[in-house]
């Protein structure tokens, strides 16, 4: 109890920010404090815990073993306090001033967020939406630490431990420029393999995908001559060259500059889902955002 009597809740909030940022300046910006104030808080925290907590490192500050042990209990304690003092009344989007952070690849931006944007702006005009670049390996940690509210991710391969809501199933179509001379009709398998293809490789530099896996048992291969990391760049490439691509149908169904035909073989599609952490599951504002997005696709 003596430690509790000495405790200032603001110090714990500062420690939580420091453990997240590993940098006094960034922690100050996150908390809307001055840098000297955060430094003073850190000095008091070191005295309170009898430990340096954060030490200078090659890239920012490095937490001590004691600080690492504090990280999760501290996060849980602060969330419990936040739940205790925050009213859980109905969410009023017309009066809300939320900032939502959604992690997405460019496909999710186009197929999900763009259709939802008009409704979000109309119903919640004072709210803000930040779209962050999808980093699949970091999604679970970002959601756990409150760095993102939602992630748009394929259901297959989604990280364990997050809540999930399927939005739709998607399939691939063959796409080229509108006047492509070899896409006037659905190509045969031999014609398909002879075309020059561009492939989307999110991890960078790959020239092999699900299409190649479907061709391999048939003893066939295609000519992949370009690999890019983003879907939307591919639409520009195929619209201005003789290259073709297999792209998600929602991405190209209203593109007059493109010719869309059925591929000459069966290809597995994918399901796109929203992912979020348990900590946000019952929050009325978060639930409203999820419902709005799901209703728009």
Protein backbone atom coordinates (compact mmCIF):
# COMPACT_ATOMS: atom_id res chain seq x y z
CA UNK A 1 0.00 0.00 0.00
CA UNK A 2 2.91 2.38 0.62
CA UNK A 3 3.85 2.22 -3.06
CA UNK A 4 0.26 2.94 -4.07
CA UNK A 5 0.17 6.01 -1.83
CA UNK A 6 3.27 7.32 -3.59
CA UNK A 7 1.89 6.55 -7.03
CA UNK A 8 0.81 9.17 -9.54
CA UNK A 9 -1.31 7.70 -12.34
CA UNK A 10 0.25 10.15 -14.80
CA UNK A 11 3.61 8.52 -14.14
CA UNK A 12 2.25 5.15 -15.22
CA UNK A 13 0.75 6.66 -18.36
CA UNK A 14 4.15 8.15 -19.16
CA UNK A 15 5.87 4.83 -18.54
CA UNK A 16 3.44 3.08 -20.86
CA UNK A 17 4.23 5.59 -23.63
CA UNK A 18 7.98 5.27 -23.04
CA UNK A 19 7.80 1.48 -23.24
CA UNK A 20 5.89 1.77 -26.51
CA UNK A 21 8.10 4.43 -28.13
CA UNK A 22 11.56 3.83 -26.58
CA UNK A 23 12.15 7.53 -27.12
CA UNK A 24 11.47 10.53 -24.82
CA UNK A 25 10.63 12.92 -27.67
CA UNK A 26 8.16 10.55 -29.34
CA UNK A 27 6.59 9.67 -25.99
CA UNK A 28 6.11 13.39 -25.30
CA UNK A 29 4.43 13.85 -28.67
CA UNK A 30 2.19 10.85 -28.05
CA UNK A 31 1.11 12.24 -24.67
CA UNK A 32 0.98 15.88 -25.77
CA UNK A 33 3.51 16.68 -23.03
CA UNK A 34 6.72 18.67 -23.23
CA UNK A 35 9.94 16.70 -23.48
CA UNK A 36 11.24 18.07 -20.14
CA UNK A 37 8.02 16.93 -18.43
CA UNK A 38 8.52 13.38 -19.71
CA UNK A 39 12.16 13.46 -18.56
CA UNK A 40 11.01 14.56 -15.08
CA UNK A 41 8.44 11.75 -15.03
CA UNK A 42 11.10 9.24 -16.03
CA UNK A 43 13.34 10.39 -13.17
CA UNK A 44 10.46 9.94 -10.69
CA UNK A 45 9.67 6.50 -12.14
CA UNK A 46 13.28 5.42 -11.72
CA UNK A 47 13.14 6.50 -8.10
CA UNK A 48 9.78 4.80 -7.54
CA UNK A 49 10.87 1.45 -8.98
CA UNK A 50 14.52 1.61 -7.95
CA UNK A 51 15.53 0.76 -11.50
CA UNK A 52 16.75 2.81 -14.52
CA UNK A 53 13.87 1.30 -16.59
CA UNK A 54 15.20 2.62 -19.92
CA UNK A 55 18.83 2.89 -20.93
CA UNK A 56 20.44 4.61 -23.93
CA UNK A 57 20.82 2.25 -26.90
CA UNK A 58 22.01 2.42 -30.53
CA UNK A 59 18.46 3.15 -31.73
CA UNK A 60 16.62 5.04 -29.02
CA UNK A 61 16.25 3.69 -25.49
CA UNK A 62 16.43 0.05 -24.42
CA UNK A 63 14.12 -1.22 -21.63
CA UNK A 64 15.67 -3.02 -18.68
CA UNK A 65 14.48 -6.46 -17.58
CA UNK A 66 12.37 -4.78 -14.87
CA UNK A 67 10.71 -2.53 -17.47
CA UNK A 68 9.96 -5.52 -19.73
CA UNK A 69 8.34 -7.30 -16.79
CA UNK A 70 6.18 -4.24 -16.14
CA UNK A 71 5.02 -3.82 -19.74
CA UNK A 72 2.04 -6.20 -19.89
CA UNK A 73 0.75 -5.78 -16.30
CA UNK A 74 0.96 -2.02 -16.77
CA UNK A 75 -0.95 -2.15 -20.05
CA UNK A 76 -3.68 -4.28 -18.48
CA UNK A 77 -3.91 -2.00 -15.43
CA UNK A 78 -4.24 1.15 -17.53
CA UNK A 79 -6.89 -0.47 -19.72
CA UNK A 80 -8.83 -1.47 -16.61
CA UNK A 81 -8.68 2.10 -15.30
CA UNK A 82 -9.75 3.43 -18.70
CA UNK A 83 -12.74 1.07 -18.77
CA UNK A 84 -13.66 2.03 -15.20
CA UNK A 85 -13.72 5.78 -15.84
CA UNK A 86 -15.05 5.82 -19.41
CA UNK A 87 -18.79 5.95 -19.92
CA UNK A 88 -20.15 3.15 -22.08
CA UNK A 89 -23.24 4.89 -23.36
CA UNK A 90 -24.47 4.65 -26.94
CA UNK A 91 -22.06 5.91 -29.56
CA UNK A 92 -23.25 9.09 -31.28
CA UNK A 93 -21.33 9.36 -34.57
CA UNK A 94 -22.69 12.84 -35.30
CA UNK A 95 -21.00 14.23 -32.17
CA UNK A 96 -18.00 11.91 -31.92
CA UNK A 97 -14.40 12.99 -32.39
CA UNK A 98 -12.74 9.63 -32.85
CA UNK A 99 -9.51 8.92 -34.70
CA UNK A 100 -9.54 5.42 -36.15
CA UNK A 101 -6.42 3.70 -37.44
CA UNK A 102 -6.82 0.95 -40.03
CA UNK A 103 -3.97 -1.15 -41.43
CA UNK A 104 -4.52 -2.20 -45.03
CA UNK A 105 -2.79 -3.09 -48.26
CA UNK A 106 -3.75 -1.07 -51.32
CA UNK A 107 -6.32 -3.69 -52.35
CA UNK A 108 -8.21 -3.26 -49.07
CA UNK A 109 -8.02 0.51 -49.45
CA UNK A 110 -9.71 0.31 -52.83
CA UNK A 111 -12.16 -2.55 -52.23
CA UNK A 112 -13.21 -1.77 -48.64
CA UNK A 113 -12.23 1.65 -47.35
CA UNK A 114 -13.10 3.64 -50.47
CA UNK A 115 -16.71 2.34 -50.58
CA UNK A 116 -17.04 3.00 -46.83
CA UNK A 117 -15.56 6.49 -46.85
CA UNK A 118 -18.58 8.50 -48.01
CA UNK A 119 -20.80 6.97 -45.33
CA UNK A 120 -18.23 7.49 -42.59
CA UNK A 121 -17.78 11.14 -43.57
CA UNK A 122 -21.53 11.77 -43.74
CA UNK A 123 -22.43 10.08 -40.47
CA UNK A 124 -19.35 10.96 -38.40
CA UNK A 125 -18.09 14.26 -39.86
CA UNK A 126 -15.80 15.15 -36.92
CA UNK A 127 -14.08 11.77 -36.87
CA UNK A 128 -10.79 11.02 -38.60
CA UNK A 129 -9.49 7.93 -40.36
CA UNK A 130 -5.78 7.10 -40.60
CA UNK A 131 -4.87 4.36 -43.07
CA UNK A 132 -1.58 2.65 -42.21
CA UNK A 133 0.48 0.46 -44.49
CA UNK A 134 -0.19 -3.19 -43.80
CA UNK A 135 2.72 -4.99 -42.14
CA UNK A 136 1.41 -8.56 -41.75
CA UNK A 137 4.12 -9.66 -39.32
CA UNK A 138 3.28 -6.77 -36.96
CA UNK A 139 -0.54 -6.75 -37.12
CA UNK A 140 -1.16 -8.74 -33.93
CA UNK A 141 1.29 -6.66 -31.89
CA UNK A 142 -0.03 -3.38 -33.33
CA UNK A 143 -3.59 -4.35 -32.40
CA UNK A 144 -2.55 -5.49 -28.92
CA UNK A 145 -0.71 -2.23 -28.23
CA UNK A 146 -3.53 -0.06 -29.57
CA UNK A 147 -1.51 1.22 -32.53
CA UNK A 148 -4.29 0.13 -34.92
CA UNK A 149 -8.02 -0.33 -34.45
CA UNK A 150 -8.63 -2.61 -37.42
CA UNK A 151 -6.67 -4.55 -40.01
CA UNK A 152 -7.94 -5.68 -43.40
CA UNK A 153 -6.33 -9.06 -43.99
CA UNK A 154 -7.01 -12.26 -45.88
CA UNK A 155 -8.70 -14.79 -43.62
CA UNK A 156 -6.14 -17.38 -44.63
CA UNK A 157 -2.92 -16.58 -42.84
CA UNK A 158 -4.51 -14.10 -40.42
CA UNK A 159 -2.66 -13.96 -37.09
CA UNK A 160 -4.09 -15.98 -34.22
CA UNK A 161 -5.58 -14.33 -31.17
CA UNK A 162 -7.49 -11.54 -32.93
CA UNK A 163 -11.22 -11.15 -33.43
CA UNK A 164 -12.32 -11.64 -37.02
CA UNK A 165 -15.26 -10.73 -39.26
CA UNK A 166 -15.37 -11.93 -42.87
CA UNK A 167 -16.32 -9.23 -45.36
CA UNK A 168 -16.49 -11.04 -48.71
CA UNK A 169 -14.96 -13.70 -50.92
CA UNK A 170 -12.92 -12.59 -53.91
CA UNK A 171 -11.87 -14.28 -57.14
CA UNK A 172 -9.21 -13.57 -59.74
CA UNK A 173 -9.82 -12.48 -63.34
CA UNK A 174 -7.46 -12.03 -66.27
CA UNK A 175 -6.84 -8.38 -67.11
CA UNK A 176 -5.14 -6.48 -69.93
CA UNK A 177 -5.55 -3.16 -71.71
CA UNK A 178 -8.95 -2.53 -73.30
CA UNK A 179 -7.71 -3.08 -76.86
CA UNK A 180 -5.31 -5.92 -76.09
CA UNK A 181 -5.12 -7.93 -79.34
CA UNK A 182 -4.85 -11.29 -77.53
CA UNK A 183 -7.70 -10.79 -75.07
CA UNK A 184 -10.60 -10.34 -77.48
CA UNK A 185 -11.88 -13.63 -76.14
CA UNK A 186 -10.97 -16.03 -73.36
CA UNK A 187 -7.52 -17.43 -74.21
CA UNK A 188 -6.67 -21.09 -74.29
CA UNK A 189 -4.22 -22.42 -71.73
CA UNK A 190 -1.43 -22.38 -74.31
CA UNK A 191 -2.25 -18.78 -75.29
CA UNK A 192 -2.46 -17.79 -71.63
CA UNK A 193 0.99 -19.21 -70.89
CA UNK A 194 2.47 -17.43 -73.90
CA UNK A 195 1.33 -14.00 -72.66
CA UNK A 196 3.73 -11.83 -70.65
CA UNK A 197 2.49 -11.51 -67.07
CA UNK A 198 2.98 -9.09 -64.21
CA UNK A 199 2.62 -10.48 -60.69
CA UNK A 200 1.94 -8.86 -57.31
CA UNK A 201 4.50 -9.94 -54.73
CA UNK A 202 3.70 -8.24 -51.36
CA UNK A 203 6.98 -9.43 -49.87
CA UNK A 204 8.89 -8.06 -52.86
CA UNK A 205 10.58 -9.64 -55.83
CA UNK A 206 8.63 -12.89 -56.16
CA UNK A 207 7.89 -14.36 -59.60
CA UNK A 208 5.76 -17.31 -58.47
CA UNK A 209 2.19 -17.35 -57.12
CA UNK A 210 -1.03 -19.35 -56.87
CA UNK A 211 -1.43 -19.30 -60.65
CA UNK A 212 1.93 -21.00 -61.11
CA UNK A 213 0.98 -23.58 -58.49
CA UNK A 214 -2.21 -24.31 -60.46
CA UNK A 215 -0.26 -24.65 -63.73
CA UNK A 216 2.49 -26.92 -62.36
CA UNK A 217 0.38 -30.13 -62.05
CA UNK A 218 -0.58 -29.65 -65.72
CA UNK A 219 3.06 -29.52 -66.70
CA UNK A 220 2.70 -25.87 -67.77
CA UNK A 221 4.34 -22.58 -66.86
CA UNK A 222 3.70 -18.95 -67.78
CA UNK A 223 5.98 -16.03 -68.58
CA UNK A 224 6.18 -13.72 -65.56
CA UNK A 225 8.31 -10.74 -66.63
CA UNK A 226 7.45 -8.13 -63.96
CA UNK A 227 7.03 -8.35 -60.18
CA UNK A 228 5.63 -5.41 -58.18
CA UNK A 229 4.55 -4.97 -54.52
CA UNK A 230 1.19 -3.22 -55.06
CA UNK A 231 -2.05 -4.09 -56.88
CA UNK A 232 -2.89 -0.56 -57.96
CA UNK A 233 0.39 -0.12 -59.83
CA UNK A 234 -0.45 -3.25 -61.81
CA UNK A 235 -3.63 -1.69 -63.20
CA UNK A 236 -1.57 1.17 -64.63
CA UNK A 237 0.99 -1.24 -66.06
CA UNK A 238 -1.52 -3.44 -67.88
CA UNK A 239 -3.50 -0.41 -69.13
CA UNK A 240 -0.43 0.98 -70.90
CA UNK A 241 1.44 -2.14 -72.07
CA UNK A 242 0.79 -5.59 -73.56
CA UNK A 243 1.40 -7.23 -70.17
CA UNK A 244 -1.50 -9.02 -68.50
CA UNK A 245 -2.25 -9.82 -64.87
CA UNK A 246 -4.54 -11.91 -62.72
CA UNK A 247 -6.19 -9.43 -60.37
CA UNK A 248 -9.03 -9.46 -57.81
CA UNK A 249 -12.30 -8.81 -59.63
CA UNK A 250 -13.42 -5.96 -57.35
CA UNK A 251 -10.30 -4.04 -58.24
CA UNK A 252 -11.04 -3.90 -61.98
CA UNK A 253 -14.77 -4.37 -62.51
CA UNK A 254 -15.41 -0.67 -63.22
CA UNK A 255 -12.20 0.14 -65.14
CA UNK A 256 -12.99 1.20 -68.74
CA UNK A 257 -9.32 1.24 -69.70
CA UNK A 258 -9.05 -2.49 -68.99
CA UNK A 259 -10.25 -5.66 -70.67
CA UNK A 260 -11.42 -8.34 -68.21
CA UNK A 261 -11.83 -11.98 -69.24
CA UNK A 262 -12.14 -15.32 -67.49
CA UNK A 263 -8.82 -17.12 -66.97
CA UNK A 264 -8.55 -20.49 -68.73
CA UNK A 265 -8.03 -22.42 -65.48
CA UNK A 266 -9.59 -22.63 -62.03
CA UNK A 267 -7.77 -20.50 -59.48
CA UNK A 268 -8.28 -20.31 -55.72
CA UNK A 269 -9.64 -16.98 -54.55
CA UNK A 270 -9.47 -15.54 -51.06
CA UNK A 271 -11.67 -14.20 -48.28
CA UNK A 272 -11.03 -10.73 -46.87
CA UNK A 273 -11.68 -10.10 -43.19
CA UNK A 274 -11.54 -7.35 -40.61
CA UNK A 275 -9.31 -8.14 -37.65
CA UNK A 276 -9.27 -6.44 -34.24
CA UNK A 277 -8.10 -7.03 -30.69
CA UNK A 278 -10.30 -8.23 -27.84
CA UNK A 279 -9.61 -4.95 -26.02
CA UNK A 280 -11.78 -3.10 -28.60
CA UNK A 281 -14.44 -5.73 -29.14
CA UNK A 282 -17.16 -4.26 -26.90
CA UNK A 283 -16.34 -0.61 -27.43
CA UNK A 284 -19.47 1.08 -28.91
CA UNK A 285 -17.48 3.34 -31.24
CA UNK A 286 -15.38 0.48 -32.51
CA UNK A 287 -18.46 -1.70 -33.02
CA UNK A 288 -20.12 1.12 -34.99
CA UNK A 289 -17.05 1.43 -37.25
CA UNK A 290 -17.01 -2.32 -37.92
CA UNK A 291 -20.71 -2.33 -38.78
CA UNK A 292 -20.34 0.63 -41.14
CA UNK A 293 -17.48 -0.97 -43.02
CA UNK A 294 -19.22 -4.34 -43.28
CA UNK A 295 -22.39 -2.71 -44.58
CA UNK A 296 -20.56 -0.81 -47.33
CA UNK A 297 -18.99 -3.76 -49.15
